[in-house]
């Protein structure tokens, strides 16, 4: 392995092994979420009006347009 590259990804390896160990011990459960339900997308991706409205409703926040 490239030692320079290893320095940059070492934290990923540590995180991977930590999570893998917890899953094996059944202390956490990893679940699948479709991209349709990824709440972070409202902050990171351009969305259609329908997708934005759906994700906004999942945040349980009042619309800034209705608060006026």
PDB file of N, CA and C in Angstrom:
ATOM      1  N   UNK A   1       0.847  -1.191   0.000  1.00  0.00           N
ATOM      2  CA  UNK A   1       0.000   0.000   0.000  1.00  0.00           C
ATOM      3  C   UNK A   1       0.880   1.237   0.000  1.00  0.00           C
ATOM      4  N   UNK A   2       0.444   2.234  -0.703  1.00  0.00           N
ATOM      5  CA  UNK A   2       1.144   3.505  -0.771  1.00  0.00           C
ATOM      6  C   UNK A   2       1.080   4.170   0.605  1.00  0.00           C
ATOM      7  N   UNK A   3       2.240   4.452   1.242  1.00  0.00           N
ATOM      8  CA  UNK A   3       2.218   5.013   2.604  1.00  0.00           C
ATOM      9  C   UNK A   3       1.546   6.390   2.682  1.00  0.00           C
ATOM     10  N   UNK A   4       1.673   7.188   1.635  1.00  0.00           N
ATOM     11  CA  UNK A   4       1.027   8.507   1.643  1.00  0.00           C
ATOM     12  C   UNK A   4      -0.489   8.341   1.579  1.00  0.00           C
ATOM     13  N   UNK A   5      -0.952   7.482   0.703  1.00  0.00           N
ATOM     14  CA  UNK A   5      -2.378   7.221   0.581  1.00  0.00           C
ATOM     15  C   UNK A   5      -2.922   6.644   1.886  1.00  0.00           C
ATOM     16  N   UNK A   6      -2.170   5.757   2.509  1.00  0.00           N
ATOM     17  CA  UNK A   6      -2.592   5.115   3.763  1.00  0.00           C
ATOM     18  C   UNK A   6      -2.854   6.159   4.849  1.00  0.00           C
ATOM     19  N   UNK A   7      -2.038   7.184   4.915  1.00  0.00           N
ATOM     20  CA  UNK A   7      -2.223   8.241   5.919  1.00  0.00           C
ATOM     21  C   UNK A   7      -3.588   8.893   5.746  1.00  0.00           C
ATOM     22  N   UNK A   8      -4.012   9.072   4.503  1.00  0.00           N
ATOM     23  CA  UNK A   8      -5.271   9.772   4.226  1.00  0.00           C
ATOM     24  C   UNK A   8      -6.507   8.903   4.433  1.00  0.00           C
ATOM     25  N   UNK A   9      -6.374   7.599   4.378  1.00  0.00           N
ATOM     26  CA  UNK A   9      -7.543   6.725   4.499  1.00  0.00           C
ATOM     27  C   UNK A   9      -7.533   5.887   5.777  1.00  0.00           C
ATOM     28  N   UNK A  10      -6.556   6.084   6.630  1.00  0.00           N
ATOM     29  CA  UNK A  10      -6.467   5.282   7.849  1.00  0.00           C
ATOM     30  C   UNK A  10      -7.721   5.428   8.708  1.00  0.00           C
ATOM     31  N   UNK A  11      -8.255   6.637   8.808  1.00  0.00           N
ATOM     32  CA  UNK A  11      -9.464   6.841   9.615  1.00  0.00           C
ATOM     33  C   UNK A  11     -10.636   6.045   9.054  1.00  0.00           C
ATOM     34  N   UNK A  12     -10.689   5.868   7.740  1.00  0.00           N
ATOM     35  CA  UNK A  12     -11.761   5.080   7.131  1.00  0.00           C
ATOM     36  C   UNK A  12     -11.628   3.627   7.560  1.00  0.00           C
ATOM     37  N   UNK A  13     -10.411   3.102   7.550  1.00  0.00           N
ATOM     38  CA  UNK A  13     -10.188   1.722   7.970  1.00  0.00           C
ATOM     39  C   UNK A  13     -10.585   1.524   9.428  1.00  0.00           C
ATOM     40  N   UNK A  14     -10.232   2.457  10.282  1.00  0.00           N
ATOM     41  CA  UNK A  14     -10.571   2.364  11.702  1.00  0.00           C
ATOM     42  C   UNK A  14     -12.085   2.385  11.873  1.00  0.00           C
ATOM     43  N   UNK A  15     -12.764   3.303  11.191  1.00  0.00           N
ATOM     44  CA  UNK A  15     -14.221   3.389  11.272  1.00  0.00           C
ATOM     45  C   UNK A  15     -14.879   2.109  10.772  1.00  0.00           C
ATOM     46  N   UNK A  16     -14.381   1.581   9.666  1.00  0.00           N
ATOM     47  CA  UNK A  16     -14.930   0.356   9.085  1.00  0.00           C
ATOM     48  C   UNK A  16     -14.834  -0.802  10.075  1.00  0.00           C
ATOM     49  N   UNK A  17     -13.674  -0.983  10.682  1.00  0.00           N
ATOM     50  CA  UNK A  17     -13.495  -2.094  11.613  1.00  0.00           C
ATOM     51  C   UNK A  17     -14.312  -1.900  12.891  1.00  0.00           C
ATOM     52  N   UNK A  18     -14.450  -0.663  13.340  1.00  0.00           N
ATOM     53  CA  UNK A  18     -15.261  -0.366  14.518  1.00  0.00           C
ATOM     54  C   UNK A  18     -16.717  -0.756  14.268  1.00  0.00           C
ATOM     55  N   UNK A  19     -17.269  -0.314  13.137  1.00  0.00           N
ATOM     56  CA  UNK A  19     -18.659  -0.615  12.809  1.00  0.00           C
ATOM     57  C   UNK A  19     -18.843  -2.111  12.566  1.00  0.00           C
ATOM     58  N   UNK A  20     -17.919  -2.722  11.822  1.00  0.00           N
ATOM     59  CA  UNK A  20     -18.012  -4.157  11.543  1.00  0.00           C
ATOM     60  C   UNK A  20     -18.037  -4.964  12.841  1.00  0.00           C
ATOM     61  N   UNK A  21     -17.228  -4.572  13.817  1.00  0.00           N
ATOM     62  CA  UNK A  21     -17.188  -5.256  15.109  1.00  0.00           C
ATOM     63  C   UNK A  21     -18.523  -5.104  15.843  1.00  0.00           C
ATOM     64  N   UNK A  22     -19.086  -3.898  15.832  1.00  0.00           N
ATOM     65  CA  UNK A  22     -20.365  -3.660  16.522  1.00  0.00           C
ATOM     66  C   UNK A  22     -21.504  -4.442  15.864  1.00  0.00           C
ATOM     67  N   UNK A  23     -21.490  -4.525  14.545  1.00  0.00           N
ATOM     68  CA  UNK A  23     -22.520  -5.287  13.835  1.00  0.00           C
ATOM     69  C   UNK A  23     -22.389  -6.760  14.171  1.00  0.00           C
ATOM     70  N   UNK A  24     -21.161  -7.286  14.190  1.00  0.00           N
ATOM     71  CA  UNK A  24     -20.922  -8.696  14.502  1.00  0.00           C
ATOM     72  C   UNK A  24     -21.398  -9.037  15.918  1.00  0.00           C
ATOM     73  N   UNK A  25     -21.242  -8.097  16.851  1.00  0.00           N
ATOM     74  CA  UNK A  25     -21.676  -8.313  18.235  1.00  0.00           C
ATOM     75  C   UNK A  25     -23.151  -7.972  18.443  1.00  0.00           C
ATOM     76  N   UNK A  26     -23.827  -7.574  17.360  1.00  0.00           N
ATOM     77  CA  UNK A  26     -25.249  -7.214  17.375  1.00  0.00           C
ATOM     78  C   UNK A  26     -25.549  -6.044  18.323  1.00  0.00           C
ATOM     79  N   UNK A  27     -24.580  -5.143  18.450  1.00  0.00           N
ATOM     80  CA  UNK A  27     -24.795  -3.940  19.253  1.00  0.00           C
ATOM     81  C   UNK A  27     -25.443  -2.838  18.426  1.00  0.00           C
ATOM     82  N   UNK A  28     -25.243  -2.882  17.112  1.00  0.00           N
ATOM     83  CA  UNK A  28     -25.925  -1.960  16.213  1.00  0.00           C
ATOM     84  C   UNK A  28     -26.455  -2.751  15.026  1.00  0.00           C
ATOM     85  N   UNK A  29     -27.443  -2.180  14.368  1.00  0.00           N
ATOM     86  CA  UNK A  29     -28.018  -2.794  13.182  1.00  0.00           C
ATOM     87  C   UNK A  29     -27.935  -1.777  12.045  1.00  0.00           C
ATOM     88  N   UNK A  30     -27.381  -2.188  10.938  1.00  0.00           N
ATOM     89  CA  UNK A  30     -27.259  -1.321   9.773  1.00  0.00           C
ATOM     90  C   UNK A  30     -28.460  -1.564   8.883  1.00  0.00           C
ATOM     91  N   UNK A  31     -29.150  -0.482   8.538  1.00  0.00           N
ATOM     92  CA  UNK A  31     -30.336  -0.609   7.694  1.00  0.00           C
ATOM     93  C   UNK A  31     -30.141   0.145   6.392  1.00  0.00           C
ATOM     94  N   UNK A  32     -30.818  -0.308   5.368  1.00  0.00           N
ATOM     95  CA  UNK A  32     -30.778   0.334   4.062  1.00  0.00           C
ATOM     96  C   UNK A  32     -31.804   1.454   4.004  1.00  0.00           C
ATOM     97  N   UNK A  33     -31.388   2.579   3.449  1.00  0.00           N
ATOM     98  CA  UNK A  33     -32.299   3.675   3.155  1.00  0.00           C
ATOM     99  C   UNK A  33     -32.158   3.993   1.678  1.00  0.00           C
ATOM    100  N   UNK A  34     -33.262   4.061   0.983  1.00  0.00           N
ATOM    101  CA  UNK A  34     -33.191   4.412  -0.438  1.00  0.00           C
ATOM    102  C   UNK A  34     -32.788   5.879  -0.567  1.00  0.00           C
ATOM    103  N   UNK A  35     -32.296   6.235  -1.719  1.00  0.00           N
ATOM    104  CA  UNK A  35     -31.895   7.627  -1.934  1.00  0.00           C
ATOM    105  C   UNK A  35     -33.105   8.557  -1.843  1.00  0.00           C
ATOM    106  N   UNK A  36     -34.282   8.039  -2.071  1.00  0.00           N
ATOM    107  CA  UNK A  36     -35.506   8.839  -1.960  1.00  0.00           C
ATOM    108  C   UNK A  36     -35.708   9.349  -0.528  1.00  0.00           C
ATOM    109  N   UNK A  37     -35.211   8.613   0.456  1.00  0.00           N
ATOM    110  CA  UNK A  37     -35.416   8.958   1.864  1.00  0.00           C
ATOM    111  C   UNK A  37     -34.196   9.578   2.543  1.00  0.00           C
ATOM    112  N   UNK A  38     -33.172   9.937   1.794  1.00  0.00           N
ATOM    113  CA  UNK A  38     -31.965  10.511   2.386  1.00  0.00           C
ATOM    114  C   UNK A  38     -32.196  11.989   2.716  1.00  0.00           C
ATOM    115  N   UNK A  39     -32.387  12.277   3.987  1.00  0.00           N
ATOM    116  CA  UNK A  39     -32.686  13.649   4.404  1.00  0.00           C
ATOM    117  C   UNK A  39     -31.550  14.613   4.095  1.00  0.00           C
ATOM    118  N   UNK A  40     -30.317  14.141   4.073  1.00  0.00           N
ATOM    119  CA  UNK A  40     -29.187  15.030   3.790  1.00  0.00           C
ATOM    120  C   UNK A  40     -29.265  15.617   2.391  1.00  0.00           C
ATOM    121  N   UNK A  41     -29.978  14.965   1.485  1.00  0.00           N
ATOM    122  CA  UNK A  41     -30.074  15.451   0.111  1.00  0.00           C
ATOM    123  C   UNK A  41     -30.707  16.834   0.044  1.00  0.00           C
ATOM    124  N   UNK A  42     -31.540  17.170   1.014  1.00  0.00           N
ATOM    125  CA  UNK A  42     -32.179  18.484   0.991  1.00  0.00           C
ATOM    126  C   UNK A  42     -31.128  19.595   1.121  1.00  0.00           C
ATOM    127  N   UNK A  43     -29.984  19.271   1.716  1.00  0.00           N
ATOM    128  CA  UNK A  43     -28.917  20.253   1.898  1.00  0.00           C
ATOM    129  C   UNK A  43     -27.790  20.109   0.877  1.00  0.00           C
ATOM    130  N   UNK A  44     -27.734  18.987   0.166  1.00  0.00           N
ATOM    131  CA  UNK A  44     -26.563  18.717  -0.663  1.00  0.00           C
ATOM    132  C   UNK A  44     -26.837  18.528  -2.147  1.00  0.00           C
ATOM    133  N   UNK A  45     -28.101  18.402  -2.562  1.00  0.00           N
ATOM    134  CA  UNK A  45     -28.394  18.083  -3.960  1.00  0.00           C
ATOM    135  C   UNK A  45     -29.492  18.985  -4.506  1.00  0.00           C
ATOM    136  N   UNK A  46     -29.427  19.264  -5.795  1.00  0.00           N
ATOM    137  CA  UNK A  46     -30.575  19.952  -6.412  1.00  0.00           C
ATOM    138  C   UNK A  46     -31.732  18.963  -6.520  1.00  0.00           C
ATOM    139  N   UNK A  47     -32.902  19.359  -6.071  1.00  0.00           N
ATOM    140  CA  UNK A  47     -34.053  18.455  -6.030  1.00  0.00           C
ATOM    141  C   UNK A  47     -35.238  19.038  -6.778  1.00  0.00           C
ATOM    142  N   UNK A  48     -36.100  18.162  -7.233  1.00  0.00           N
ATOM    143  CA  UNK A  48     -37.363  18.615  -7.804  1.00  0.00           C
ATOM    144  C   UNK A  48     -38.222  19.176  -6.675  1.00  0.00           C
ATOM    145  N   UNK A  49     -39.244  19.917  -7.023  1.00  0.00           N
ATOM    146  CA  UNK A  49     -40.143  20.476  -6.006  1.00  0.00           C
ATOM    147  C   UNK A  49     -40.786  19.364  -5.184  1.00  0.00           C
ATOM    148  N   UNK A  50     -41.169  18.279  -5.840  1.00  0.00           N
ATOM    149  CA  UNK A  50     -41.821  17.167  -5.137  1.00  0.00           C
ATOM    150  C   UNK A  50     -40.868  16.516  -4.136  1.00  0.00           C
ATOM    151  N   UNK A  51     -39.624  16.267  -4.558  1.00  0.00           N
ATOM    152  CA  UNK A  51     -38.642  15.647  -3.655  1.00  0.00           C
ATOM    153  C   UNK A  51     -38.316  16.567  -2.493  1.00  0.00           C
ATOM    154  N   UNK A  52     -38.144  17.868  -2.792  1.00  0.00           N
ATOM    155  CA  UNK A  52     -37.856  18.836  -1.736  1.00  0.00           C
ATOM    156  C   UNK A  52     -38.987  18.870  -0.714  1.00  0.00           C
ATOM    157  N   UNK A  53     -40.208  18.939  -1.185  1.00  0.00           N
ATOM    158  CA  UNK A  53     -41.366  18.999  -0.282  1.00  0.00           C
ATOM    159  C   UNK A  53     -41.468  17.743   0.572  1.00  0.00           C
ATOM    160  N   UNK A  54     -41.232  16.593  -0.039  1.00  0.00           N
ATOM    161  CA  UNK A  54     -41.288  15.331   0.705  1.00  0.00           C
ATOM    162  C   UNK A  54     -40.236  15.308   1.811  1.00  0.00           C
ATOM    163  N   UNK A  55     -38.993  15.645   1.472  1.00  0.00           N
ATOM    164  CA  UNK A  55     -37.921  15.617   2.476  1.00  0.00           C
ATOM    165  C   UNK A  55     -38.128  16.692   3.531  1.00  0.00           C
ATOM    166  N   UNK A  56     -38.602  17.862   3.122  1.00  0.00           N
ATOM    167  CA  UNK A  56     -38.873  18.943   4.079  1.00  0.00           C
ATOM    168  C   UNK A  56     -39.910  18.479   5.111  1.00  0.00           C
ATOM    169  N   UNK A  57     -40.935  17.765   4.651  1.00  0.00           N
ATOM    170  CA  UNK A  57     -41.971  17.290   5.570  1.00  0.00           C
ATOM    171  C   UNK A  57     -41.398  16.292   6.574  1.00  0.00           C
ATOM    172  N   UNK A  58     -40.381  15.540   6.176  1.00  0.00           N
ATOM    173  CA  UNK A  58     -39.749  14.573   7.086  1.00  0.00           C
ATOM    174  C   UNK A  58     -38.943  15.262   8.182  1.00  0.00           C
ATOM    175  N   UNK A  59     -38.548  16.513   7.958  1.00  0.00           N
ATOM    176  CA  UNK A  59     -37.778  17.255   8.960  1.00  0.00           C
ATOM    177  C   UNK A  59     -38.666  17.811  10.073  1.00  0.00           C
ATOM    178  N   UNK A  60     -39.988  17.773   9.882  1.00  0.00           N
ATOM    179  CA  UNK A  60     -40.954  18.279  10.866  1.00  0.00           C
ATOM    180  C   UNK A  60     -40.680  19.745  11.216  1.00  0.00           C
ATOM    181  N   UNK A  61     -40.495  20.544  10.177  1.00  0.00           N
ATOM    182  CA  UNK A  61     -40.264  21.975  10.348  1.00  0.00           C
ATOM    183  C   UNK A  61     -41.350  22.740   9.613  1.00  0.00           C
ATOM    184  N   UNK A  62     -41.702  23.894  10.142  1.00  0.00           N
ATOM    185  CA  UNK A  62     -42.678  24.738   9.462  1.00  0.00           C
ATOM    186  C   UNK A  62     -42.030  25.346   8.228  1.00  0.00           C
ATOM    187  N   UNK A  63     -42.791  25.515   7.182  1.00  0.00           N
ATOM    188  CA  UNK A  63     -42.288  26.123   5.964  1.00  0.00           C
ATOM    189  C   UNK A  63     -41.941  27.578   6.231  1.00  0.00           C
ATOM    190  N   UNK A  64     -40.786  28.037   5.763  1.00  0.00           N
ATOM    191  CA  UNK A  64     -40.445  29.457   5.982  1.00  0.00           C
ATOM    192  C   UNK A  64     -41.412  30.386   5.257  1.00  0.00           C
ATOM    193  N   UNK A  65     -42.064  29.900   4.214  1.00  0.00           N
ATOM    194  CA  UNK A  65     -43.029  30.722   3.497  1.00  0.00           C
ATOM    195  C   UNK A  65     -44.324  30.870   4.287  1.00  0.00           C
ATOM    196  N   UNK A  66     -44.655  29.884   5.105  1.00  0.00           N
ATOM    197  CA  UNK A  66     -45.879  29.947   5.900  1.00  0.00           C
ATOM    198  C   UNK A  66     -45.680  30.711   7.202  1.00  0.00           C
ATOM    199  N   UNK A  67     -44.450  30.917   7.617  1.00  0.00           N
ATOM    200  CA  UNK A  67     -44.160  31.553   8.900  1.00  0.00           C
ATOM    201  C   UNK A  67     -44.309  33.081   8.826  1.00  0.00           C
ATOM    202  N   UNK A  68     -44.467  33.619   7.660  1.00  0.00           N
ATOM    203  CA  UNK A  68     -44.551  35.091   7.520  1.00  0.00           C
ATOM    204  C   UNK A  68     -45.851  35.652   7.976  1.00  0.00           C
TER     205      UNK A  68
END
